[in-house]
Full PDB file with SEQRES, HELIX, SHEET, SSBOND, CRYST1, ORIGX, SCALE, CONECT and MASTER records, all heavy atoms in Angstrom:
SEQRES   1 A   32  ILE LEU HIS ASP PRO ASP ILE LEU VAL LEU ASP GLU PRO          
SEQRES   2 A   32  PHE SER GLY LEU ASP PRO VAL ASN ALA GLU GLN MET LYS          
SEQRES   3 A   32  GLY ALA PHE LEU GLU MET                                      
HELIX    1 AA1 PRO A   19  GLU A   31  1                                  13    
CRYST1    1.000    1.000    1.000  90.00  90.00  90.00 P 1           1          
ORIGX1      1.000000  0.000000  0.000000        0.00000                         
ORIGX2      0.000000  1.000000  0.000000        0.00000                         
ORIGX3      0.000000  0.000000  1.000000        0.00000                         
SCALE1      1.000000  0.000000  0.000000        0.00000                         
SCALE2      0.000000  1.000000  0.000000        0.00000                         
SCALE3      0.000000  0.000000  1.000000        0.00000                         
ATOM      1  N   ILE A   1     -29.401  21.166 181.512  1.00  0.00           N  
ATOM      2  CA  ILE A   1     -29.038  20.214 182.594  1.00  0.00           C  
ATOM      3  C   ILE A   1     -29.838  20.410 183.882  1.00  0.00           C  
ATOM      4  O   ILE A   1     -29.885  19.501 184.689  1.00  0.00           O  
ATOM      5  CB  ILE A   1     -27.543  20.339 182.994  1.00  0.00           C  
ATOM      6  CG1 ILE A   1     -27.273  21.721 183.611  1.00  0.00           C  
ATOM      7  CG2 ILE A   1     -26.663  20.158 181.794  1.00  0.00           C  
ATOM      8  CD1 ILE A   1     -25.812  21.775 184.163  1.00  0.00           C  
ATOM      9  N   LEU A   2     -30.653  21.501 184.016  1.00  0.00           N  
ATOM     10  CA  LEU A   2     -31.284  21.760 185.333  1.00  0.00           C  
ATOM     11  C   LEU A   2     -32.390  20.724 185.687  1.00  0.00           C  
ATOM     12  O   LEU A   2     -32.727  20.540 186.871  1.00  0.00           O  
ATOM     13  CB  LEU A   2     -31.865  23.158 185.399  1.00  0.00           C  
ATOM     14  CG  LEU A   2     -30.786  24.283 185.469  1.00  0.00           C  
ATOM     15  CD1 LEU A   2     -31.465  25.621 185.682  1.00  0.00           C  
ATOM     16  CD2 LEU A   2     -29.795  24.025 186.579  1.00  0.00           C  
ATOM     17  N   HIS A   3     -32.917  20.049 184.633  1.00  0.00           N  
ATOM     18  CA  HIS A   3     -33.966  19.044 185.003  1.00  0.00           C  
ATOM     19  C   HIS A   3     -33.301  17.709 185.207  1.00  0.00           C  
ATOM     20  O   HIS A   3     -34.074  16.702 185.368  1.00  0.00           O  
ATOM     21  CB  HIS A   3     -34.963  18.952 183.842  1.00  0.00           C  
ATOM     22  CG  HIS A   3     -34.494  18.625 182.501  1.00  0.00           C  
ATOM     23  ND1 HIS A   3     -33.695  19.451 181.746  1.00  0.00           N  
ATOM     24  CD2 HIS A   3     -34.500  17.451 181.753  1.00  0.00           C  
ATOM     25  CE1 HIS A   3     -33.333  18.869 180.576  1.00  0.00           C  
ATOM     26  NE2 HIS A   3     -33.880  17.661 180.630  1.00  0.00           N  
ATOM     27  N   ASP A   4     -31.997  17.626 185.271  1.00  0.00           N  
ATOM     28  CA  ASP A   4     -31.239  16.425 185.628  1.00  0.00           C  
ATOM     29  C   ASP A   4     -31.479  15.263 184.620  1.00  0.00           C  
ATOM     30  O   ASP A   4     -31.873  14.220 185.022  1.00  0.00           O  
ATOM     31  CB  ASP A   4     -31.603  15.998 187.031  1.00  0.00           C  
ATOM     32  CG  ASP A   4     -30.607  15.005 187.646  1.00  0.00           C  
ATOM     33  OD1 ASP A   4     -29.383  15.069 187.252  1.00  0.00           O  
ATOM     34  OD2 ASP A   4     -30.999  14.114 188.395  1.00  0.00           O  
ATOM     35  N   PRO A   5     -31.206  15.516 183.318  1.00  0.00           N  
ATOM     36  CA  PRO A   5     -31.410  14.427 182.322  1.00  0.00           C  
ATOM     37  C   PRO A   5     -30.315  13.382 182.389  1.00  0.00           C  
ATOM     38  O   PRO A   5     -29.264  13.536 182.979  1.00  0.00           O  
ATOM     39  CB  PRO A   5     -31.306  15.265 181.003  1.00  0.00           C  
ATOM     40  CG  PRO A   5     -30.305  16.339 181.347  1.00  0.00           C  
ATOM     41  CD  PRO A   5     -30.615  16.756 182.774  1.00  0.00           C  
ATOM     42  N   ASP A   6     -30.660  12.250 181.845  1.00  0.00           N  
ATOM     43  CA  ASP A   6     -29.728  11.141 181.679  1.00  0.00           C  
ATOM     44  C   ASP A   6     -28.702  11.318 180.641  1.00  0.00           C  
ATOM     45  O   ASP A   6     -27.571  10.926 180.696  1.00  0.00           O  
ATOM     46  CB  ASP A   6     -30.409   9.790 181.490  1.00  0.00           C  
ATOM     47  CG  ASP A   6     -31.297   9.420 182.673  1.00  0.00           C  
ATOM     48  OD1 ASP A   6     -30.892   9.689 183.819  1.00  0.00           O  
ATOM     49  OD2 ASP A   6     -32.383   8.900 182.434  1.00  0.00           O  
ATOM     50  N   ILE A   7     -29.112  11.978 179.516  1.00  0.00           N  
ATOM     51  CA  ILE A   7     -28.325  12.146 178.322  1.00  0.00           C  
ATOM     52  C   ILE A   7     -28.234  13.565 177.945  1.00  0.00           C  
ATOM     53  O   ILE A   7     -29.279  14.279 177.900  1.00  0.00           O  
ATOM     54  CB  ILE A   7     -28.946  11.385 177.090  1.00  0.00           C  
ATOM     55  CG1 ILE A   7     -29.413   9.979 177.437  1.00  0.00           C  
ATOM     56  CG2 ILE A   7     -27.969  11.366 175.919  1.00  0.00           C  
ATOM     57  CD1 ILE A   7     -30.212   9.354 176.373  1.00  0.00           C  
ATOM     58  N   LEU A   8     -27.017  14.127 177.762  1.00  0.00           N  
ATOM     59  CA  LEU A   8     -26.859  15.499 177.309  1.00  0.00           C  
ATOM     60  C   LEU A   8     -26.425  15.429 175.824  1.00  0.00           C  
ATOM     61  O   LEU A   8     -25.421  14.744 175.453  1.00  0.00           O  
ATOM     62  CB  LEU A   8     -25.812  16.145 178.094  1.00  0.00           C  
ATOM     63  CG  LEU A   8     -26.134  16.379 179.585  1.00  0.00           C  
ATOM     64  CD1 LEU A   8     -24.897  17.072 180.242  1.00  0.00           C  
ATOM     65  CD2 LEU A   8     -27.386  17.253 179.776  1.00  0.00           C  
ATOM     66  N   VAL A   9     -27.191  16.162 174.970  1.00  0.00           N  
ATOM     67  CA  VAL A   9     -26.875  16.224 173.551  1.00  0.00           C  
ATOM     68  C   VAL A   9     -26.523  17.748 173.276  1.00  0.00           C  
ATOM     69  O   VAL A   9     -27.417  18.575 173.369  1.00  0.00           O  
ATOM     70  CB  VAL A   9     -28.077  15.771 172.692  1.00  0.00           C  
ATOM     71  CG1 VAL A   9     -27.733  15.834 171.238  1.00  0.00           C  
ATOM     72  CG2 VAL A   9     -28.500  14.323 173.060  1.00  0.00           C  
ATOM     73  N   LEU A  10     -25.227  17.903 172.951  1.00  0.00           N  
ATOM     74  CA  LEU A  10     -24.743  19.300 172.941  1.00  0.00           C  
ATOM     75  C   LEU A  10     -24.141  19.556 171.571  1.00  0.00           C  
ATOM     76  O   LEU A  10     -23.088  18.914 171.118  1.00  0.00           O  
ATOM     77  CB  LEU A  10     -23.615  19.504 174.020  1.00  0.00           C  
ATOM     78  CG  LEU A  10     -24.058  19.012 175.448  1.00  0.00           C  
ATOM     79  CD1 LEU A  10     -22.870  19.046 176.362  1.00  0.00           C  
ATOM     80  CD2 LEU A  10     -25.252  19.760 175.956  1.00  0.00           C  
ATOM     81  N   ASP A  11     -24.739  20.444 170.862  1.00  0.00           N  
ATOM     82  CA  ASP A  11     -24.276  20.751 169.458  1.00  0.00           C  
ATOM     83  C   ASP A  11     -23.386  21.954 169.454  1.00  0.00           C  
ATOM     84  O   ASP A  11     -23.809  23.041 169.697  1.00  0.00           O  
ATOM     85  CB  ASP A  11     -25.581  21.035 168.637  1.00  0.00           C  
ATOM     86  CG  ASP A  11     -25.352  20.953 167.133  1.00  0.00           C  
ATOM     87  OD1 ASP A  11     -24.141  20.744 166.717  1.00  0.00           O  
ATOM     88  OD2 ASP A  11     -26.297  21.017 166.353  1.00  0.00           O  
ATOM     89  N   GLU A  12     -22.103  21.682 169.162  1.00  0.00           N  
ATOM     90  CA  GLU A  12     -21.048  22.746 169.066  1.00  0.00           C  
ATOM     91  C   GLU A  12     -21.023  23.503 170.385  1.00  0.00           C  
ATOM     92  O   GLU A  12     -21.231  24.790 170.401  1.00  0.00           O  
ATOM     93  CB  GLU A  12     -21.184  23.640 167.829  1.00  0.00           C  
ATOM     94  CG  GLU A  12     -21.091  22.942 166.566  1.00  0.00           C  
ATOM     95  CD  GLU A  12     -19.639  22.579 166.194  1.00  0.00           C  
ATOM     96  OE1 GLU A  12     -18.756  22.954 166.911  1.00  0.00           O  
ATOM     97  OE2 GLU A  12     -19.535  21.799 165.136  1.00  0.00           O  
ATOM     98  N   PRO A  13     -20.827  22.910 171.543  1.00  0.00           N  
ATOM     99  CA  PRO A  13     -20.984  23.637 172.793  1.00  0.00           C  
ATOM    100  C   PRO A  13     -19.947  24.663 173.078  1.00  0.00           C  
ATOM    101  O   PRO A  13     -20.114  25.505 173.920  1.00  0.00           O  
ATOM    102  CB  PRO A  13     -20.928  22.475 173.873  1.00  0.00           C  
ATOM    103  CG  PRO A  13     -20.169  21.445 173.181  1.00  0.00           C  
ATOM    104  CD  PRO A  13     -20.566  21.465 171.689  1.00  0.00           C  
ATOM    105  N   PHE A  14     -18.836  24.579 172.353  1.00  0.00           N  
ATOM    106  CA  PHE A  14     -17.726  25.558 172.604  1.00  0.00           C  
ATOM    107  C   PHE A  14     -17.790  26.764 171.675  1.00  0.00           C  
ATOM    108  O   PHE A  14     -16.945  27.585 171.707  1.00  0.00           O  
ATOM    109  CB  PHE A  14     -16.409  24.841 172.438  1.00  0.00           C  
ATOM    110  CG  PHE A  14     -16.235  23.729 173.390  1.00  0.00           C  
ATOM    111  CD1 PHE A  14     -16.145  22.394 172.911  1.00  0.00           C  
ATOM    112  CD2 PHE A  14     -16.081  23.899 174.753  1.00  0.00           C  
ATOM    113  CE1 PHE A  14     -15.997  21.346 173.765  1.00  0.00           C  
ATOM    114  CE2 PHE A  14     -15.967  22.860 175.655  1.00  0.00           C  
ATOM    115  CZ  PHE A  14     -15.915  21.551 175.206  1.00  0.00           C  
ATOM    116  N   SER A  15     -18.867  26.814 170.825  1.00  0.00           N  
ATOM    117  CA  SER A  15     -19.012  27.910 169.915  1.00  0.00           C  
ATOM    118  C   SER A  15     -19.098  29.250 170.687  1.00  0.00           C  
ATOM    119  O   SER A  15     -19.966  29.398 171.565  1.00  0.00           O  
ATOM    120  CB  SER A  15     -20.257  27.746 169.022  1.00  0.00           C  
ATOM    121  OG  SER A  15     -20.466  28.773 168.217  1.00  0.00           O  
ATOM    122  N   GLY A  16     -18.316  30.222 170.296  1.00  0.00           N  
ATOM    123  CA  GLY A  16     -18.376  31.544 170.911  1.00  0.00           C  
ATOM    124  C   GLY A  16     -17.738  31.706 172.270  1.00  0.00           C  
ATOM    125  O   GLY A  16     -17.757  32.721 172.864  1.00  0.00           O  
ATOM    126  N   LEU A  17     -17.074  30.637 172.731  1.00  0.00           N  
ATOM    127  CA  LEU A  17     -16.412  30.695 174.021  1.00  0.00           C  
ATOM    128  C   LEU A  17     -14.952  31.074 173.911  1.00  0.00           C  
ATOM    129  O   LEU A  17     -14.154  30.591 173.081  1.00  0.00           O  
ATOM    130  CB  LEU A  17     -16.534  29.333 174.772  1.00  0.00           C  
ATOM    131  CG  LEU A  17     -17.907  28.826 175.181  1.00  0.00           C  
ATOM    132  CD1 LEU A  17     -17.792  27.545 175.865  1.00  0.00           C  
ATOM    133  CD2 LEU A  17     -18.638  29.855 175.964  1.00  0.00           C  
ATOM    134  N   ASP A  18     -14.468  31.944 174.765  1.00  0.00           N  
ATOM    135  CA  ASP A  18     -13.044  32.302 174.837  1.00  0.00           C  
ATOM    136  C   ASP A  18     -12.366  31.165 175.561  1.00  0.00           C  
ATOM    137  O   ASP A  18     -13.042  30.245 176.159  1.00  0.00           O  
ATOM    138  CB  ASP A  18     -12.806  33.663 175.484  1.00  0.00           C  
ATOM    139  CG  ASP A  18     -13.332  33.748 176.927  1.00  0.00           C  
ATOM    140  OD1 ASP A  18     -13.241  32.752 177.679  1.00  0.00           O  
ATOM    141  OD2 ASP A  18     -13.855  34.776 177.293  1.00  0.00           O  
ATOM    142  N   PRO A  19     -11.012  31.129 175.557  1.00  0.00           N  
ATOM    143  CA  PRO A  19     -10.288  29.985 176.242  1.00  0.00           C  
ATOM    144  C   PRO A  19     -10.659  29.779 177.733  1.00  0.00           C  
ATOM    145  O   PRO A  19     -10.741  28.574 178.143  1.00  0.00           O  
ATOM    146  CB  PRO A  19      -8.833  30.397 176.076  1.00  0.00           C  
ATOM    147  CG  PRO A  19      -8.803  31.204 174.832  1.00  0.00           C  
ATOM    148  CD  PRO A  19     -10.072  31.939 174.872  1.00  0.00           C  
ATOM    149  N   VAL A  20     -10.891  30.829 178.432  1.00  0.00           N  
ATOM    150  CA  VAL A  20     -11.214  30.681 179.878  1.00  0.00           C  
ATOM    151  C   VAL A  20     -12.624  30.043 180.077  1.00  0.00           C  
ATOM    152  O   VAL A  20     -12.792  29.042 180.779  1.00  0.00           O  
ATOM    153  CB  VAL A  20     -11.185  32.034 180.603  1.00  0.00           C  
ATOM    154  CG1 VAL A  20     -11.693  31.886 182.017  1.00  0.00           C  
ATOM    155  CG2 VAL A  20      -9.786  32.605 180.618  1.00  0.00           C  
ATOM    156  N   ASN A  21     -13.580  30.529 179.321  1.00  0.00           N  
ATOM    157  CA  ASN A  21     -14.915  29.938 179.377  1.00  0.00           C  
ATOM    158  C   ASN A  21     -14.935  28.532 178.791  1.00  0.00           C  
ATOM    159  O   ASN A  21     -15.705  27.701 179.231  1.00  0.00           O  
ATOM    160  CB  ASN A  21     -15.933  30.827 178.669  1.00  0.00           C  
ATOM    161  CG  ASN A  21     -16.291  32.076 179.418  1.00  0.00           C  
ATOM    162  OD1 ASN A  21     -16.401  32.061 180.670  1.00  0.00           O  
ATOM    163  ND2 ASN A  21     -16.498  33.166 178.731  1.00  0.00           N  
ATOM    164  N   ALA A  22     -14.183  28.325 177.787  1.00  0.00           N  
ATOM    165  CA  ALA A  22     -14.111  26.933 177.232  1.00  0.00           C  
ATOM    166  C   ALA A  22     -13.589  25.907 178.249  1.00  0.00           C  
ATOM    167  O   ALA A  22     -14.125  24.811 178.363  1.00  0.00           O  
ATOM    168  CB  ALA A  22     -13.245  26.935 175.978  1.00  0.00           C  
ATOM    169  N   GLU A  23     -12.578  26.313 179.035  1.00  0.00           N  
ATOM    170  CA  GLU A  23     -12.059  25.505 180.076  1.00  0.00           C  
ATOM    171  C   GLU A  23     -13.130  25.196 181.150  1.00  0.00           C  
ATOM    172  O   GLU A  23     -13.239  24.089 181.687  1.00  0.00           O  
ATOM    173  CB  GLU A  23     -10.808  26.104 180.735  1.00  0.00           C  
ATOM    174  CG  GLU A  23      -9.554  25.893 179.807  1.00  0.00           C  
ATOM    175  CD  GLU A  23      -9.272  24.480 179.480  1.00  0.00           C  
ATOM    176  OE1 GLU A  23      -9.122  23.651 180.395  1.00  0.00           O  
ATOM    177  OE2 GLU A  23      -9.033  24.166 178.317  1.00  0.00           O  
ATOM    178  N   GLN A  24     -13.856  26.244 181.480  1.00  0.00           N  
ATOM    179  CA  GLN A  24     -14.950  26.049 182.464  1.00  0.00           C  
ATOM    180  C   GLN A  24     -15.998  25.063 181.987  1.00  0.00           C  
ATOM    181  O   GLN A  24     -16.496  24.154 182.708  1.00  0.00           O  
ATOM    182  CB  GLN A  24     -15.606  27.307 182.823  1.00  0.00           C  
ATOM    183  CG  GLN A  24     -14.790  28.236 183.716  1.00  0.00           C  
ATOM    184  CD  GLN A  24     -15.556  29.488 184.132  1.00  0.00           C  
ATOM    185  OE1 GLN A  24     -16.410  30.031 183.376  1.00  0.00           O  
ATOM    186  NE2 GLN A  24     -15.313  29.976 185.368  1.00  0.00           N  
ATOM    187  N   MET A  25     -16.317  25.181 180.710  1.00  0.00           N  
ATOM    188  CA  MET A  25     -17.323  24.237 180.096  1.00  0.00           C  
ATOM    189  C   MET A  25     -16.769  22.812 180.082  1.00  0.00           C  
ATOM    190  O   MET A  25     -17.490  21.873 180.381  1.00  0.00           O  
ATOM    191  CB  MET A  25     -17.693  24.721 178.694  1.00  0.00           C  
ATOM    192  CG  MET A  25     -18.837  23.908 178.079  1.00  0.00           C  
ATOM    193  SD  MET A  25     -20.430  24.351 178.809  1.00  0.00           S  
ATOM    194  CE  MET A  25     -20.806  25.886 178.045  1.00  0.00           C  
ATOM    195  N   LYS A  26     -15.483  22.662 179.770  1.00  0.00           N  
ATOM    196  CA  LYS A  26     -14.923  21.328 179.764  1.00  0.00           C  
ATOM    197  C   LYS A  26     -14.972  20.734 181.181  1.00  0.00           C  
ATOM    198  O   LYS A  26     -15.277  19.510 181.355  1.00  0.00           O  
ATOM    199  CB  LYS A  26     -13.494  21.410 179.279  1.00  0.00           C  
ATOM    200  CG  LYS A  26     -13.327  21.695 177.744  1.00  0.00           C  
ATOM    201  CD  LYS A  26     -11.892  21.906 177.371  1.00  0.00           C  
ATOM    202  CE  LYS A  26     -11.772  22.285 175.919  1.00  0.00           C  
ATOM    203  NZ  LYS A  26     -10.350  22.563 175.512  1.00  0.00           N  
ATOM    204  N   GLY A  27     -14.622  21.574 182.140  1.00  0.00           N  
ATOM    205  CA  GLY A  27     -14.767  21.045 183.539  1.00  0.00           C  
ATOM    206  C   GLY A  27     -16.181  20.638 183.891  1.00  0.00           C  
ATOM    207  O   GLY A  27     -16.419  19.659 184.589  1.00  0.00           O  
ATOM    208  N   ALA A  28     -17.177  21.378 183.381  1.00  0.00           N  
ATOM    209  CA  ALA A  28     -18.600  21.008 183.646  1.00  0.00           C  
ATOM    210  C   ALA A  28     -18.914  19.653 183.015  1.00  0.00           C  
ATOM    211  O   ALA A  28     -19.651  18.885 183.583  1.00  0.00           O  
ATOM    212  CB  ALA A  28     -19.506  22.110 183.122  1.00  0.00           C  
ATOM    213  N   PHE A  29     -18.408  19.428 181.755  1.00  0.00           N  
ATOM    214  CA  PHE A  29     -18.659  18.152 181.126  1.00  0.00           C  
ATOM    215  C   PHE A  29     -18.097  17.035 181.966  1.00  0.00           C  
ATOM    216  O   PHE A  29     -18.787  15.980 182.172  1.00  0.00           O  
ATOM    217  CB  PHE A  29     -17.896  18.128 179.776  1.00  0.00           C  
ATOM    218  CG  PHE A  29     -18.611  18.882 178.678  1.00  0.00           C  
ATOM    219  CD1 PHE A  29     -19.596  19.850 178.922  1.00  0.00           C  
ATOM    220  CD2 PHE A  29     -18.204  18.755 177.342  1.00  0.00           C  
ATOM    221  CE1 PHE A  29     -20.143  20.470 177.898  1.00  0.00           C  
ATOM    222  CE2 PHE A  29     -18.837  19.395 176.323  1.00  0.00           C  
ATOM    223  CZ  PHE A  29     -19.824  20.312 176.600  1.00  0.00           C  
ATOM    224  N   LEU A  30     -16.925  17.178 182.400  1.00  0.00           N  
ATOM    225  CA  LEU A  30     -16.228  16.057 183.232  1.00  0.00           C  
ATOM    226  C   LEU A  30     -17.054  15.907 184.514  1.00  0.00           C  
ATOM    227  O   LEU A  30     -17.151  14.687 184.956  1.00  0.00           O  
ATOM    228  CB  LEU A  30     -14.836  16.471 183.519  1.00  0.00           C  
ATOM    229  CG  LEU A  30     -13.853  16.562 182.281  1.00  0.00           C  
ATOM    230  CD1 LEU A  30     -12.505  17.073 182.713  1.00  0.00           C  
ATOM    231  CD2 LEU A  30     -13.723  15.186 181.614  1.00  0.00           C  
ATOM    232  N   GLU A  31     -17.522  16.909 185.122  1.00  0.00           N  
ATOM    233  CA  GLU A  31     -18.344  16.809 186.347  1.00  0.00           C  
ATOM    234  C   GLU A  31     -19.612  16.063 186.075  1.00  0.00           C  
ATOM    235  O   GLU A  31     -20.009  15.175 186.843  1.00  0.00           O  
ATOM    236  CB  GLU A  31     -18.586  18.164 186.920  1.00  0.00           C  
ATOM    237  CG  GLU A  31     -19.280  18.119 188.307  1.00  0.00           C  
ATOM    238  CD  GLU A  31     -19.279  19.462 189.003  1.00  0.00           C  
ATOM    239  OE1 GLU A  31     -18.315  20.193 188.869  1.00  0.00           O  
ATOM    240  OE2 GLU A  31     -20.252  19.701 189.756  1.00  0.00           O  
ATOM    241  N   MET A  32     -20.260  16.401 184.945  1.00  0.00           N  
ATOM    242  CA  MET A  32     -21.495  15.676 184.652  1.00  0.00           C  
ATOM    243  C   MET A  32     -21.246  14.206 184.285  1.00  0.00           C  
ATOM    244  O   MET A  32     -22.029  13.348 184.685  1.00  0.00           O  
ATOM    245  CB  MET A  32     -22.217  16.359 183.460  1.00  0.00           C  
ATOM    246  CG  MET A  32     -22.689  17.777 183.696  1.00  0.00           C  
ATOM    247  SD  MET A  32     -23.937  17.855 185.015  1.00  0.00           S  
ATOM    248  CE  MET A  32     -25.390  17.111 184.166  1.00  0.00           C  
TER     249      MET A  32                                                      
MASTER        0    0    0    1    0    0    0    6  248    1    0    3          
END                                                                             
């Protein structure tokens, strides 16, 4: 995301995340 793309293509983005980190990632999705 750091180059500010228009489209994010995320393959199994929650893989390896514990519940706390998964919630942070979900929040990041909503923000984007």
